[in-house]
Amino acid sequence: MGAKMRKNPVPVHWFVRSAMVFAMLAVFNPWIPAAGAGTDPNLGGGGTVATGSAGGAESQGASSQLEKCDESLGTMAVVEDQTAPWYHSLSEYKLGSTVPVLRMMIQQSNCFVVVERGAAMRNMMQERNLSQSGEMREGSSFGKGQMVAADYTMSPTITFSKKGTSGMGGALGGLFGSAGRIVGAVAGGIKANESSTTLLLIDNRSGVQLAAAEGSAKNYDFSLFGGIFGGGGFGSAGGYTDTPEGKILTAAFMDSYNKLVKATRNYKAQSVKGGLGTGGRLGVQGGSTPASKELPNK
């Protein structure tokens, strides 16, 4: 007889049962995201997307994680750089402008009053042109001097956005050998989606950047047993795999905006000796700026 087969110290079927128990818990345990549903996008690790509505200083259904202000700090326009690479990449996710959702968050927060400087501006000017032409009824009140200036401009940027950035299937599959095919397939159906955004706040009168904030969001997609059972039973348990990336981007922008609001609450104006824009403190020998004139000629 040949050499006796070495006995496995832990039966293979134990791993199989463990994997099955984990998967069933993921499906039926109310504390674990169910198969067929991924986790909500998290603001920098824990949160939700923007929801609800806004009317004046009041809001309805706004996220409980959105920063709020008792009084507004000024008027604001939101302008995105439509020539930037990130803006054109939005079409890959079937997404449009970021401005509408940002404007809703800003108004819900009551930290700034939003003024129109986008596409609707053309319609505003069209109404004024009609008034000047004499076609409007008397009392339409489209006279001059009624528009509100934008004190600040907010500029959004998407710095990173990726679906399915990480998974655990390969590592667990290799760890448990043949039995790990089940464990690996279960874990392999858990994928992370990540996004990072930046918001800049500019003073329109001086052009000075007043604040900047980076935000991020992350969620997970679940597709349990998809690699094992094919189309039967749990085979169609793909959760957020077809959910628009707009959810994760919105969460990242909310994270950015919350940080921006916190930064403005602690705002302290920057100052330069001699005044802003008068040449700065880095002088050049022979130059005409105040800092340059302080340098010796030789």
Foldseek 3Di string as FASTA:
>chain_A
DDDDDDDDPDDLVVLLVVLVVVLVCCQPPPVHPHLQAWDAKAWQHHFHFFDFFADAQATPPGGPPFAADPAEPEEEEEDEDCVDPQQVCVVVLPDHDPRPLVQRSCSNRNHHHYDDDDPCVVVLVVVLVCVVVVNDDPPPPPDPDDDDDGQKYKYKDWPDWDWQPDWDLVVQCVVSDPSSNQVSQQRRQKGKTKTKMKMWMAGVVPRDTFDMFMIMIMIIWGQGPCVPPPPPDSNRSTHCPPPRSVGRVSSRVSSRVRVRSVCVVVTDDDAFVVGPPQQGQDEDDPDDGPNNVVDDND
